[in-house]
Amino acid sequence: NLFTDGQEESIFPDGTIVRIQRDGSKTIEFNNGQRELHTSQFKRR
């Protein structure tokens, strides 16, 4: 999904969801309950 405000969301067949914000930061929600956040300063799981 490409939203008009510049955000993006991808939903993969395995249930993983990736959201990208306008500032480039990324959130990944895995189907095993883990979550990842990527920013320009760090990556956090």
PDB file of all heavy atoms in Angstrom:
ATOM      1  N   ASN A   1       0.852  -1.186   0.000  1.00  0.00           N
ATOM      2  CA  ASN A   1       0.000   0.000   0.000  1.00  0.00           C
ATOM      3  C   ASN A   1       0.886   1.234   0.000  1.00  0.00           C
ATOM      4  O   ASN A   1       1.799   1.342   0.830  1.00  0.00           O
ATOM      5  CB  ASN A   1      -0.906   0.023   1.237  1.00  0.00           C
ATOM      6  CG  ASN A   1      -1.950  -1.063   1.191  1.00  0.00           C
ATOM      7  OD1 ASN A   1      -2.788  -1.072   0.306  1.00  0.00           O
ATOM      8  ND2 ASN A   1      -1.889  -2.006   2.135  1.00  0.00           N
ATOM      9  N   LEU A   2       0.625   2.143  -0.924  1.00  0.00           N
ATOM     10  CA  LEU A   2       1.337   3.414  -0.995  1.00  0.00           C
ATOM     11  C   LEU A   2       0.327   4.499  -0.649  1.00  0.00           C
ATOM     12  O   LEU A   2      -0.660   4.687  -1.373  1.00  0.00           O
ATOM     13  CB  LEU A   2       1.909   3.637  -2.395  1.00  0.00           C
ATOM     14  CG  LEU A   2       2.843   2.547  -2.914  1.00  0.00           C
ATOM     15  CD1 LEU A   2       3.132   2.737  -4.395  1.00  0.00           C
ATOM     16  CD2 LEU A   2       4.134   2.537  -2.116  1.00  0.00           C
ATOM     17  N   PHE A   3       0.557   5.189   0.467  1.00  0.00           N
ATOM     18  CA  PHE A   3      -0.394   6.187   0.943  1.00  0.00           C
ATOM     19  C   PHE A   3      -0.016   7.574   0.426  1.00  0.00           C
ATOM     20  O   PHE A   3       1.143   7.840   0.106  1.00  0.00           O
ATOM     21  CB  PHE A   3      -0.443   6.169   2.475  1.00  0.00           C
ATOM     22  CG  PHE A   3      -0.905   4.841   3.017  1.00  0.00           C
ATOM     23  CD1 PHE A   3       0.020   3.898   3.456  1.00  0.00           C
ATOM     24  CD2 PHE A   3      -2.250   4.522   3.063  1.00  0.00           C
ATOM     25  CE1 PHE A   3      -0.393   2.666   3.942  1.00  0.00           C
ATOM     26  CE2 PHE A   3      -2.672   3.286   3.548  1.00  0.00           C
ATOM     27  CZ  PHE A   3      -1.742   2.359   3.994  1.00  0.00           C
ATOM     28  N   THR A   4      -0.998   8.448   0.375  1.00  0.00           N
ATOM     29  CA  THR A   4      -0.783   9.787  -0.188  1.00  0.00           C
ATOM     30  C   THR A   4       0.166  10.630   0.659  1.00  0.00           C
ATOM     31  O   THR A   4       0.766  11.564   0.144  1.00  0.00           O
ATOM     32  CB  THR A   4      -2.123  10.533  -0.342  1.00  0.00           C
ATOM     33  OG1 THR A   4      -2.783  10.562   0.922  1.00  0.00           O
ATOM     34  CG2 THR A   4      -3.007   9.837  -1.361  1.00  0.00           C
ATOM     35  N   ASP A   5       0.317  10.302   1.940  1.00  0.00           N
ATOM     36  CA  ASP A   5       1.221  11.076   2.804  1.00  0.00           C
ATOM     37  C   ASP A   5       2.663  10.577   2.722  1.00  0.00           C
ATOM     38  O   ASP A   5       3.524  11.024   3.464  1.00  0.00           O
ATOM     39  CB  ASP A   5       0.734  11.054   4.252  1.00  0.00           C
ATOM     40  CG  ASP A   5       0.717   9.661   4.867  1.00  0.00           C
ATOM     41  OD1 ASP A   5       1.118   8.686   4.185  1.00  0.00           O
ATOM     42  OD2 ASP A   5       0.301   9.550   6.033  1.00  0.00           O
ATOM     43  N   GLY A   6       2.945   9.614   1.811  1.00  0.00           N
ATOM     44  CA  GLY A   6       4.310   9.127   1.623  1.00  0.00           C
ATOM     45  C   GLY A   6       4.625   7.862   2.394  1.00  0.00           C
ATOM     46  O   GLY A   6       5.697   7.277   2.225  1.00  0.00           O
ATOM     47  N   GLN A   7       3.732   7.400   3.256  1.00  0.00           N
ATOM     48  CA  GLN A   7       3.976   6.165   3.996  1.00  0.00           C
ATOM     49  C   GLN A   7       3.718   4.964   3.103  1.00  0.00           C
ATOM     50  O   GLN A   7       2.956   5.046   2.144  1.00  0.00           O
ATOM     51  CB  GLN A   7       3.071   6.092   5.223  1.00  0.00           C
ATOM     52  CG  GLN A   7       3.361   7.175   6.245  1.00  0.00           C
ATOM     53  CD  GLN A   7       2.496   7.001   7.468  1.00  0.00           C
ATOM     54  OE1 GLN A   7       2.609   6.001   8.168  1.00  0.00           O
ATOM     55  NE2 GLN A   7       1.639   7.966   7.722  1.00  0.00           N
ATOM     56  N   GLU A   8       4.371   3.849   3.444  1.00  0.00           N
ATOM     57  CA  GLU A   8       4.200   2.602   2.699  1.00  0.00           C
ATOM     58  C   GLU A   8       3.957   1.466   3.691  1.00  0.00           C
ATOM     59  O   GLU A   8       4.464   1.507   4.808  1.00  0.00           O
ATOM     60  CB  GLU A   8       5.473   2.241   1.914  1.00  0.00           C
ATOM     61  CG  GLU A   8       5.824   3.178   0.807  1.00  0.00           C
ATOM     62  CD  GLU A   8       7.088   2.748   0.067  1.00  0.00           C
ATOM     63  OE1 GLU A   8       7.505   1.576   0.195  1.00  0.00           O
ATOM     64  OE2 GLU A   8       7.654   3.589  -0.632  1.00  0.00           O
ATOM     65  N   GLU A   9       3.211   0.478   3.235  1.00  0.00           N
ATOM     66  CA  GLU A   9       2.983  -0.711   4.051  1.00  0.00           C
ATOM     67  C   GLU A   9       3.009  -1.913   3.122  1.00  0.00           C
ATOM     68  O   GLU A   9       2.349  -1.906   2.088  1.00  0.00           O
ATOM     69  CB  GLU A   9       1.626  -0.619   4.744  1.00  0.00           C
ATOM     70  CG  GLU A   9       1.252  -1.863   5.531  1.00  0.00           C
ATOM     71  CD  GLU A   9      -0.156  -1.778   6.069  1.00  0.00           C
ATOM     72  OE1 GLU A   9      -1.112  -1.918   5.278  1.00  0.00           O
ATOM     73  OE2 GLU A   9      -0.287  -1.567   7.289  1.00  0.00           O
ATOM     74  N   SER A  10       3.795  -2.931   3.494  1.00  0.00           N
ATOM     75  CA  SER A  10       3.842  -4.177   2.727  1.00  0.00           C
ATOM     76  C   SER A  10       3.430  -5.315   3.637  1.00  0.00           C
ATOM     77  O   SER A  10       3.918  -5.434   4.762  1.00  0.00           O
ATOM     78  CB  SER A  10       5.247  -4.443   2.188  1.00  0.00           C
ATOM     79  OG  SER A  10       5.614  -3.445   1.260  1.00  0.00           O
ATOM     80  N   ILE A  11       2.512  -6.149   3.122  1.00  0.00           N
ATOM     81  CA  ILE A  11       2.043  -7.312   3.875  1.00  0.00           C
ATOM     82  C   ILE A  11       2.460  -8.544   3.077  1.00  0.00           C
ATOM     83  O   ILE A  11       2.017  -8.729   1.944  1.00  0.00           O
ATOM     84  CB  ILE A  11       0.516  -7.267   4.079  1.00  0.00           C
ATOM     85  CG1 ILE A  11       0.132  -5.953   4.771  1.00  0.00           C
ATOM     86  CG2 ILE A  11       0.047  -8.485   4.874  1.00  0.00           C
ATOM     87  CD1 ILE A  11      -1.340  -5.641   4.733  1.00  0.00           C
ATOM     88  N   PHE A  12       3.337  -9.353   3.662  1.00  0.00           N
ATOM     89  CA  PHE A  12       3.881 -10.518   2.973  1.00  0.00           C
ATOM     90  C   PHE A  12       3.012 -11.749   3.227  1.00  0.00           C
ATOM     91  O   PHE A  12       2.309 -11.822   4.236  1.00  0.00           O
ATOM     92  CB  PHE A  12       5.331 -10.754   3.419  1.00  0.00           C
ATOM     93  CG  PHE A  12       6.245  -9.638   2.981  1.00  0.00           C
ATOM     94  CD1 PHE A  12       6.459  -8.535   3.797  1.00  0.00           C
ATOM     95  CD2 PHE A  12       6.870  -9.683   1.745  1.00  0.00           C
ATOM     96  CE1 PHE A  12       7.278  -7.487   3.387  1.00  0.00           C
ATOM     97  CE2 PHE A  12       7.691  -8.645   1.323  1.00  0.00           C
ATOM     98  CZ  PHE A  12       7.892  -7.552   2.151  1.00  0.00           C
ATOM     99  N   PRO A  13       3.078 -12.733   2.333  1.00  0.00           N
ATOM    100  CA  PRO A  13       2.247 -13.940   2.481  1.00  0.00           C
ATOM    101  C   PRO A  13       2.425 -14.656   3.824  1.00  0.00           C
ATOM    102  O   PRO A  13       1.496 -15.279   4.306  1.00  0.00           O
ATOM    103  CB  PRO A  13       2.688 -14.830   1.322  1.00  0.00           C
ATOM    104  CG  PRO A  13       3.206 -13.883   0.297  1.00  0.00           C
ATOM    105  CD  PRO A  13       3.840 -12.760   1.086  1.00  0.00           C
ATOM    106  N   ASP A  14       3.609 -14.550   4.427  1.00  0.00           N
ATOM    107  CA  ASP A  14       3.844 -15.227   5.709  1.00  0.00           C
ATOM    108  C   ASP A  14       3.296 -14.442   6.899  1.00  0.00           C
ATOM    109  O   ASP A  14       3.429 -14.856   8.039  1.00  0.00           O
ATOM    110  CB  ASP A  14       5.330 -15.525   5.907  1.00  0.00           C
ATOM    111  CG  ASP A  14       6.171 -14.275   6.157  1.00  0.00           C
ATOM    112  OD1 ASP A  14       5.637 -13.141   6.105  1.00  0.00           O
ATOM    113  OD2 ASP A  14       7.383 -14.433   6.413  1.00  0.00           O
ATOM    114  N   GLY A  15       2.690 -13.270   6.634  1.00  0.00           N
ATOM    115  CA  GLY A  15       2.108 -12.467   7.704  1.00  0.00           C
ATOM    116  C   GLY A  15       3.006 -11.338   8.179  1.00  0.00           C
ATOM    117  O   GLY A  15       2.582 -10.500   8.985  1.00  0.00           O
ATOM    118  N   THR A  16       4.256 -11.282   7.708  1.00  0.00           N
ATOM    119  CA  THR A  16       5.156 -10.200   8.077  1.00  0.00           C
ATOM    120  C   THR A  16       4.631  -8.894   7.496  1.00  0.00           C
ATOM    121  O   THR A  16       4.195  -8.847   6.344  1.00  0.00           O
ATOM    122  CB  THR A  16       6.581 -10.470   7.551  1.00  0.00           C
ATOM    123  OG1 THR A  16       7.051 -11.697   8.126  1.00  0.00           O
ATOM    124  CG2 THR A  16       7.543  -9.344   7.907  1.00  0.00           C
ATOM    125  N   ILE A  17       4.672  -7.823   8.299  1.00  0.00           N
ATOM    126  CA  ILE A  17       4.214  -6.501   7.850  1.00  0.00           C
ATOM    127  C   ILE A  17       5.371  -5.520   7.992  1.00  0.00           C
ATOM    128  O   ILE A  17       5.998  -5.439   9.049  1.00  0.00           O
ATOM    129  CB  ILE A  17       3.019  -6.013   8.689  1.00  0.00           C
ATOM    130  CG1 ILE A  17       1.848  -6.996   8.557  1.00  0.00           C
ATOM    131  CG2 ILE A  17       2.594  -4.609   8.253  1.00  0.00           C
ATOM    132  CD1 ILE A  17       0.691  -6.716   9.497  1.00  0.00           C
ATOM    133  N   VAL A  18       5.657  -4.790   6.912  1.00  0.00           N
ATOM    134  CA  VAL A  18       6.705  -3.770   6.926  1.00  0.00           C
ATOM    135  C   VAL A  18       6.044  -2.427   6.671  1.00  0.00           C
ATOM    136  O   VAL A  18       5.325  -2.248   5.680  1.00  0.00           O
ATOM    137  CB  VAL A  18       7.782  -4.042   5.847  1.00  0.00           C
ATOM    138  CG1 VAL A  18       8.823  -2.933   5.828  1.00  0.00           C
ATOM    139  CG2 VAL A  18       8.446  -5.395   6.073  1.00  0.00           C
ATOM    140  N   ARG A  19       6.293  -1.474   7.574  1.00  0.00           N
ATOM    141  CA  ARG A  19       5.763  -0.116   7.413  1.00  0.00           C
ATOM    142  C   ARG A  19       6.934   0.849   7.312  1.00  0.00           C
ATOM    143  O   ARG A  19       7.836   0.812   8.137  1.00  0.00           O
ATOM    144  CB  ARG A  19       4.873   0.255   8.590  1.00  0.00           C
ATOM    145  CG  ARG A  19       3.596  -0.536   8.635  1.00  0.00           C
ATOM    146  CD  ARG A  19       2.661  -0.064   9.770  1.00  0.00           C
ATOM    147  NE  ARG A  19       1.444  -0.843   9.780  1.00  0.00           N
ATOM    148  CZ  ARG A  19       1.265  -1.952  10.484  1.00  0.00           C
ATOM    149  NH1 ARG A  19       2.234  -2.398  11.256  1.00  0.00           N
ATOM    150  NH2 ARG A  19       0.131  -2.622  10.415  1.00  0.00           N
ATOM    151  N   ILE A  20       6.882   1.701   6.292  1.00  0.00           N
ATOM    152  CA  ILE A  20       7.935   2.700   6.102  1.00  0.00           C
ATOM    153  C   ILE A  20       7.306   4.083   6.248  1.00  0.00           C
ATOM    154  O   ILE A  20       6.324   4.393   5.569  1.00  0.00           O
ATOM    155  CB  ILE A  20       8.616   2.556   4.727  1.00  0.00           C
ATOM    156  CG1 ILE A  20       9.227   1.151   4.594  1.00  0.00           C
ATOM    157  CG2 ILE A  20       9.685   3.625   4.536  1.00  0.00           C
ATOM    158  CD1 ILE A  20       9.798   0.841   3.230  1.00  0.00           C
ATOM    159  N   GLN A  21       7.874   4.882   7.153  1.00  0.00           N
ATOM    160  CA  GLN A  21       7.365   6.234   7.403  1.00  0.00           C
ATOM    161  C   GLN A  21       8.005   7.218   6.421  1.00  0.00           C
ATOM    162  O   GLN A  21       8.983   6.903   5.753  1.00  0.00           O
ATOM    163  CB  GLN A  21       7.682   6.656   8.846  1.00  0.00           C
ATOM    164  CG  GLN A  21       7.150   5.716   9.901  1.00  0.00           C
ATOM    165  CD  GLN A  21       5.648   5.524   9.835  1.00  0.00           C
ATOM    166  OE1 GLN A  21       4.897   6.483   9.656  1.00  0.00           O
ATOM    167  NE2 GLN A  21       5.209   4.289   9.945  1.00  0.00           N
ATOM    168  N   ARG A  22       7.456   8.398   6.374  1.00  0.00           N
ATOM    169  CA  ARG A  22       7.982   9.422   5.454  1.00  0.00           C
ATOM    170  C   ARG A  22       9.439   9.764   5.745  1.00  0.00           C
ATOM    171  O   ARG A  22      10.191  10.090   4.841  1.00  0.00           O
ATOM    172  CB  ARG A  22       7.129  10.691   5.551  1.00  0.00           C
ATOM    173  CG  ARG A  22       5.797  10.500   4.866  1.00  0.00           C
ATOM    174  CD  ARG A  22       4.880  11.684   4.963  1.00  0.00           C
ATOM    175  NE  ARG A  22       5.546  12.960   5.033  1.00  0.00           N
ATOM    176  CZ  ARG A  22       5.004  14.036   5.552  1.00  0.00           C
ATOM    177  NH1 ARG A  22       3.803  14.004   6.063  1.00  0.00           N
ATOM    178  NH2 ARG A  22       5.662  15.173   5.570  1.00  0.00           N
ATOM    179  N   ASP A  23       9.851   9.681   7.011  1.00  0.00           N
ATOM    180  CA  ASP A  23      11.237  10.007   7.368  1.00  0.00           C
ATOM    181  C   ASP A  23      12.207   8.870   7.052  1.00  0.00           C
ATOM    182  O   ASP A  23      13.400   8.973   7.311  1.00  0.00           O
ATOM    183  CB  ASP A  23      11.340  10.398   8.852  1.00  0.00           C
ATOM    184  CG  ASP A  23      11.004   9.250   9.807  1.00  0.00           C
ATOM    185  OD1 ASP A  23      10.749   8.103   9.342  1.00  0.00           O
ATOM    186  OD2 ASP A  23      11.005   9.497  11.027  1.00  0.00           O
ATOM    187  N   GLY A  24      11.689   7.767   6.504  1.00  0.00           N
ATOM    188  CA  GLY A  24      12.544   6.640   6.138  1.00  0.00           C
ATOM    189  C   GLY A  24      12.646   5.570   7.209  1.00  0.00           C
ATOM    190  O   GLY A  24      13.182   4.494   6.959  1.00  0.00           O
ATOM    191  N   SER A  25      12.140   5.851   8.416  1.00  0.00           N
ATOM    192  CA  SER A  25      12.191   4.822   9.456  1.00  0.00           C
ATOM    193  C   SER A  25      11.250   3.682   9.076  1.00  0.00           C
ATOM    194  O   SER A  25      10.255   3.870   8.381  1.00  0.00           O
ATOM    195  CB  SER A  25      11.832   5.404  10.827  1.00  0.00           C
ATOM    196  OG  SER A  25      10.506   5.867  10.838  1.00  0.00           O
ATOM    197  N   LYS A  26      11.616   2.487   9.524  1.00  0.00           N
ATOM    198  CA  LYS A  26      10.911   1.280   9.104  1.00  0.00           C
ATOM    199  C   LYS A  26      10.551   0.444  10.324  1.00  0.00           C
ATOM    200  O   LYS A  26      11.377   0.276  11.222  1.00  0.00           O
ATOM    201  CB  LYS A  26      11.832   0.481   8.177  1.00  0.00           C
ATOM    202  CG  LYS A  26      11.227  -0.783   7.615  1.00  0.00           C
ATOM    203  CD  LYS A  26      12.219  -1.663   6.862  1.00  0.00           C
ATOM    204  CE  LYS A  26      13.026  -0.975   5.813  1.00  0.00           C
ATOM    205  NZ  LYS A  26      13.876  -1.911   5.047  1.00  0.00           N
ATOM    206  N   THR A  27       9.331  -0.070  10.347  1.00  0.00           N
ATOM    207  CA  THR A  27       8.893  -0.997  11.387  1.00  0.00           C
ATOM    208  C   THR A  27       8.551  -2.315  10.704  1.00  0.00           C
ATOM    209  O   THR A  27       7.831  -2.330   9.712  1.00  0.00           O
ATOM    210  CB  THR A  27       7.638  -0.465  12.116  1.00  0.00           C
ATOM    211  OG1 THR A  27       7.918   0.834  12.638  1.00  0.00           O
ATOM    212  CG2 THR A  27       7.246  -1.387  13.256  1.00  0.00           C
ATOM    213  N   ILE A  28       9.091  -3.409  11.252  1.00  0.00           N
ATOM    214  CA  ILE A  28       8.812  -4.736  10.716  1.00  0.00           C
ATOM    215  C   ILE A  28       8.164  -5.552  11.824  1.00  0.00           C
ATOM    216  O   ILE A  28       8.726  -5.677  12.917  1.00  0.00           O
ATOM    217  CB  ILE A  28      10.109  -5.443  10.242  1.00  0.00           C
ATOM    218  CG1 ILE A  28      10.852  -4.567   9.235  1.00  0.00           C
ATOM    219  CG2 ILE A  28       9.794  -6.816   9.661  1.00  0.00           C
ATOM    220  CD1 ILE A  28      12.272  -5.018   8.946  1.00  0.00           C
ATOM    221  N   GLU A  29       6.986  -6.090  11.538  1.00  0.00           N
ATOM    222  CA  GLU A  29       6.296  -6.953  12.499  1.00  0.00           C
ATOM    223  C   GLU A  29       6.321  -8.365  11.923  1.00  0.00           C
ATOM    224  O   GLU A  29       5.733  -8.626  10.877  1.00  0.00           O
ATOM    225  CB  GLU A  29       4.858  -6.484  12.700  1.00  0.00           C
ATOM    226  CG  GLU A  29       4.777  -5.109  13.343  1.00  0.00           C
ATOM    227  CD  GLU A  29       3.352  -4.574  13.428  1.00  0.00           C
ATOM    228  OE1 GLU A  29       2.396  -5.348  13.209  1.00  0.00           O
ATOM    229  OE2 GLU A  29       3.223  -3.375  13.708  1.00  0.00           O
ATOM    230  N   PHE A  30       7.036  -9.248  12.603  1.00  0.00           N
ATOM    231  CA  PHE A  30       7.179 -10.631  12.141  1.00  0.00           C
ATOM    232  C   PHE A  30       6.025 -11.476  12.653  1.00  0.00           C
ATOM    233  O   PHE A  30       5.430 -11.177  13.685  1.00  0.00           O
ATOM    234  CB  PHE A  30       8.519 -11.206  12.605  1.00  0.00           C
ATOM    235  CG  PHE A  30       9.708 -10.486  12.036  1.00  0.00           C
ATOM    236  CD1 PHE A  30      10.327  -9.458  12.749  1.00  0.00           C
ATOM    237  CD2 PHE A  30      10.210 -10.816  10.784  1.00  0.00           C
ATOM    238  CE1 PHE A  30      11.417  -8.785  12.226  1.00  0.00           C
ATOM    239  CE2 PHE A  30      11.298 -10.144  10.255  1.00  0.00           C
ATOM    240  CZ  PHE A  30      11.910  -9.133  10.972  1.00  0.00           C
ATOM    241  N   ASN A  31       5.749 -12.573  11.958  1.00  0.00           N
ATOM    242  CA  ASN A  31       4.630 -13.433  12.350  1.00  0.00           C
ATOM    243  C   ASN A  31       4.921 -14.228  13.621  1.00  0.00           C
ATOM    244  O   ASN A  31       4.020 -14.830  14.186  1.00  0.00           O
ATOM    245  CB  ASN A  31       4.227 -14.358  11.195  1.00  0.00           C
ATOM    246  CG  ASN A  31       5.347 -15.274  10.761  1.00  0.00           C
ATOM    247  OD1 ASN A  31       6.412 -15.307  11.371  1.00  0.00           O
ATOM    248  ND2 ASN A  31       5.113 -16.025   9.702  1.00  0.00           N
ATOM    249  N   ASN A  32       6.167 -14.209  14.102  1.00  0.00           N
ATOM    250  CA  ASN A  32       6.515 -14.910  15.340  1.00  0.00           C
ATOM    251  C   ASN A  32       6.405 -13.995  16.563  1.00  0.00           C
ATOM    252  O   ASN A  32       6.800 -14.372  17.655  1.00  0.00           O
ATOM    253  CB  ASN A  32       7.925 -15.506  15.248  1.00  0.00           C
ATOM    254  CG  ASN A  32       9.000 -14.444  15.074  1.00  0.00           C
ATOM    255  OD1 ASN A  32       8.734 -13.250  15.106  1.00  0.00           O
ATOM    256  ND2 ASN A  32      10.232 -14.894  14.876  1.00  0.00           N
ATOM    257  N   GLY A  33       5.888 -12.764  16.353  1.00  0.00           N
ATOM    258  CA  GLY A  33       5.709 -11.841  17.470  1.00  0.00           C
ATOM    259  C   GLY A  33       6.859 -10.868  17.655  1.00  0.00           C
ATOM    260  O   GLY A  33       6.758  -9.915  18.421  1.00  0.00           O
ATOM    261  N   GLN A  34       7.970 -11.096  16.968  1.00  0.00           N
ATOM    262  CA  GLN A  34       9.093 -10.168  17.066  1.00  0.00           C
ATOM    263  C   GLN A  34       8.787  -8.917  16.247  1.00  0.00           C
ATOM    264  O   GLN A  34       8.007  -8.950  15.301  1.00  0.00           O
ATOM    265  CB  GLN A  34      10.382 -10.814  16.569  1.00  0.00           C
ATOM    266  CG  GLN A  34      10.835 -11.968  17.426  1.00  0.00           C
ATOM    267  CD  GLN A  34      12.138 -12.582  16.933  1.00  0.00           C
ATOM    268  OE1 GLN A  34      12.890 -11.974  16.194  1.00  0.00           O
ATOM    269  NE2 GLN A  34      12.381 -13.819  17.344  1.00  0.00           N
ATOM    270  N   ARG A  35       9.428  -7.839  16.644  1.00  0.00           N
ATOM    271  CA  ARG A  35       9.223  -6.564  15.968  1.00  0.00           C
ATOM    272  C   ARG A  35      10.563  -5.870  15.828  1.00  0.00           C
ATOM    273  O   ARG A  35      11.401  -5.956  16.719  1.00  0.00           O
ATOM    274  CB  ARG A  35       8.297  -5.741  16.859  1.00  0.00           C
ATOM    275  CG  ARG A  35       7.579  -4.645  16.176  1.00  0.00           C
ATOM    276  CD  ARG A  35       6.733  -3.937  17.204  1.00  0.00           C
ATOM    277  NE  ARG A  35       7.137  -2.565  17.081  1.00  0.00           N
ATOM    278  CZ  ARG A  35       6.338  -1.538  17.137  1.00  0.00           C
ATOM    279  NH1 ARG A  35       5.094  -1.692  17.432  1.00  0.00           N
ATOM    280  NH2 ARG A  35       6.778  -0.337  16.945  1.00  0.00           N
ATOM    281  N   GLU A  36      10.768  -5.207  14.685  1.00  0.00           N
ATOM    282  CA  GLU A  36      12.026  -4.502  14.450  1.00  0.00           C
ATOM    283  C   GLU A  36      11.732  -3.070  14.061  1.00  0.00           C
ATOM    284  O   GLU A  36      10.786  -2.803  13.327  1.00  0.00           O
ATOM    285  CB  GLU A  36      12.801  -5.193  13.326  1.00  0.00           C
ATOM    286  CG  GLU A  36      14.221  -5.502  13.706  1.00  0.00           C
ATOM    287  CD  GLU A  36      14.952  -6.304  12.649  1.00  0.00           C
ATOM    288  OE1 GLU A  36      15.188  -5.754  11.557  1.00  0.00           O
ATOM    289  OE2 GLU A  36      15.288  -7.456  12.934  1.00  0.00           O
ATOM    290  N   LEU A  37      12.588  -2.160  14.541  1.00  0.00           N
ATOM    291  CA  LEU A  37      12.488  -0.750  14.189  1.00  0.00           C
ATOM    292  C   LEU A  37      13.833  -0.317  13.629  1.00  0.00           C
ATOM    293  O   LEU A  37      14.863  -0.527  14.271  1.00  0.00           O
ATOM    294  CB  LEU A  37      12.117   0.081  15.427  1.00  0.00           C
ATOM    295  CG  LEU A  37      12.074   1.593  15.241  1.00  0.00           C
ATOM    296  CD1 LEU A  37      10.982   1.981  14.238  1.00  0.00           C
ATOM    297  CD2 LEU A  37      11.823   2.282  16.576  1.00  0.00           C
ATOM    298  N   HIS A  38      13.821   0.242  12.410  1.00  0.00           N
ATOM    299  CA  HIS A  38      15.040   0.737  11.778  1.00  0.00           C
ATOM    300  C   HIS A  38      14.924   2.252  11.654  1.00  0.00           C
ATOM    301  O   HIS A  38      13.961   2.751  11.071  1.00  0.00           O
ATOM    302  CB  HIS A  38      15.213   0.166  10.365  1.00  0.00           C
ATOM    303  CG  HIS A  38      15.396  -1.316  10.328  1.00  0.00           C
ATOM    304  ND1 HIS A  38      15.995  -1.944   9.277  1.00  0.00           N
ATOM    305  CD2 HIS A  38      15.052  -2.306  11.195  1.00  0.00           C
ATOM    306  CE1 HIS A  38      16.015  -3.251   9.491  1.00  0.00           C
ATOM    307  NE2 HIS A  38      15.431  -3.493  10.651  1.00  0.00           N
ATOM    308  N   THR A  39      15.901   2.982  12.203  1.00  0.00           N
ATOM    309  CA  THR A  39      15.952   4.434  12.032  1.00  0.00           C
ATOM    310  C   THR A  39      17.350   4.781  11.523  1.00  0.00           C
ATOM    311  O   THR A  39      18.204   3.902  11.368  1.00  0.00           O
ATOM    312  CB  THR A  39      15.694   5.186  13.359  1.00  0.00           C
ATOM    313  OG1 THR A  39      16.828   5.010  14.216  1.00  0.00           O
ATOM    314  CG2 THR A  39      14.432   4.689  14.056  1.00  0.00           C
ATOM    315  N   SER A  40      17.598   6.050  11.321  1.00  0.00           N
ATOM    316  CA  SER A  40      18.927   6.454  10.861  1.00  0.00           C
ATOM    317  C   SER A  40      19.967   6.314  11.983  1.00  0.00           C
ATOM    318  O   SER A  40      21.160   6.277  11.726  1.00  0.00           O
ATOM    319  CB  SER A  40      18.906   7.892  10.341  1.00  0.00           C
ATOM    320  OG  SER A  40      18.442   8.763  11.355  1.00  0.00           O
ATOM    321  N   GLN A  41      19.532   6.218  13.254  1.00  0.00           N
ATOM    322  CA  GLN A  41      20.463   6.103  14.381  1.00  0.00           C
ATOM    323  C   GLN A  41      20.679   4.671  14.861  1.00  0.00           C
ATOM    324  O   GLN A  41      21.724   4.356  15.410  1.00  0.00           O
ATOM    325  CB  GLN A  41      19.959   6.923  15.586  1.00  0.00           C
ATOM    326  CG  GLN A  41      20.034   8.420  15.411  1.00  0.00           C
ATOM    327  CD  GLN A  41      18.817   8.962  14.671  1.00  0.00           C
ATOM    328  OE1 GLN A  41      17.715   8.455  14.837  1.00  0.00           O
ATOM    329  NE2 GLN A  41      19.022   9.967  13.842  1.00  0.00           N
ATOM    330  N   PHE A  42      19.677   3.798  14.688  1.00  0.00           N
ATOM    331  CA  PHE A  42      19.791   2.446  15.247  1.00  0.00           C
ATOM    332  C   PHE A  42      18.823   1.488  14.573  1.00  0.00           C
ATOM    333  O   PHE A  42      17.906   1.892  13.862  1.00  0.00           O
ATOM    334  CB  PHE A  42      19.513   2.460  16.760  1.00  0.00           C
ATOM    335  CG  PHE A  42      18.134   2.926  17.121  1.00  0.00           C
ATOM    336  CD1 PHE A  42      17.046   2.060  17.093  1.00  0.00           C
ATOM    337  CD2 PHE A  42      17.913   4.256  17.487  1.00  0.00           C
ATOM    338  CE1 PHE A  42      15.771   2.494  17.419  1.00  0.00           C
ATOM    339  CE2 PHE A  42      16.639   4.691  17.808  1.00  0.00           C
ATOM    340  CZ  PHE A  42      15.567   3.820  17.776  1.00  0.00           C
ATOM    341  N   LYS A  43      19.060   0.193  14.881  1.00  0.00           N
ATOM    342  CA  LYS A  43      18.117  -0.873  14.558  1.00  0.00           C
ATOM    343  C   LYS A  43      17.794  -1.562  15.874  1.00  0.00           C
ATOM    344  O   LYS A  43      18.701  -1.893  16.641  1.00  0.00           O
ATOM    345  CB  LYS A  43      18.729  -1.882  13.581  1.00  0.00           C
ATOM    346  CG  LYS A  43      18.918  -1.351  12.190  1.00  0.00           C
ATOM    347  CD  LYS A  43      19.471  -2.413  11.268  1.00  0.00           C
ATOM    348  CE  LYS A  43      19.708  -1.824   9.885  1.00  0.00           C
ATOM    349  NZ  LYS A  43      20.321  -2.791   8.975  1.00  0.00           N
ATOM    350  N   ARG A  44      16.509  -1.754  16.128  1.00  0.00           N
ATOM    351  CA  ARG A  44      16.095  -2.337  17.399  1.00  0.00           C
ATOM    352  C   ARG A  44      15.164  -3.509  17.131  1.00  0.00           C
ATOM    353  O   ARG A  44      14.251  -3.415  16.332  1.00  0.00           O
ATOM    354  CB  ARG A  44      15.356  -1.290  18.237  1.00  0.00           C
ATOM    355  CG  ARG A  44      14.753  -1.847  19.518  1.00  0.00           C
ATOM    356  CD  ARG A  44      14.106  -0.769  20.364  1.00  0.00           C
ATOM    357  NE  ARG A  44      15.149   0.129  20.814  1.00  0.00           N
ATOM    358  CZ  ARG A  44      15.011   1.442  20.929  1.00  0.00           C
ATOM    359  NH1 ARG A  44      13.876   2.030  20.651  1.00  0.00           N
ATOM    360  NH2 ARG A  44      16.022   2.182  21.352  1.00  0.00           N
ATOM    361  N   ARG A  45      15.431  -4.636  17.831  1.00  0.00           N
ATOM    362  CA  ARG A  45      14.536  -5.790  17.729  1.00  0.00           C
ATOM    363  C   ARG A  45      13.917  -6.019  19.096  1.00  0.00           C
ATOM    364  O   ARG A  45      14.613  -6.069  20.102  1.00  0.00           O
ATOM    365  CB  ARG A  45      15.286  -7.033  17.271  1.00  0.00           C
ATOM    366  CG  ARG A  45      14.330  -8.212  17.251  1.00  0.00           C
ATOM    367  CD  ARG A  45      14.530  -9.301  16.306  1.00  0.00           C
ATOM    368  NE  ARG A  45      14.791  -9.085  14.926  1.00  0.00           N
ATOM    369  CZ  ARG A  45      14.518  -9.999  14.012  1.00  0.00           C
ATOM    370  NH1 ARG A  45      13.923 -11.129  14.361  1.00  0.00           N
ATOM    371  NH2 ARG A  45      14.818  -9.817  12.768  1.00  0.00           N
TER     372      ARG A  45
END
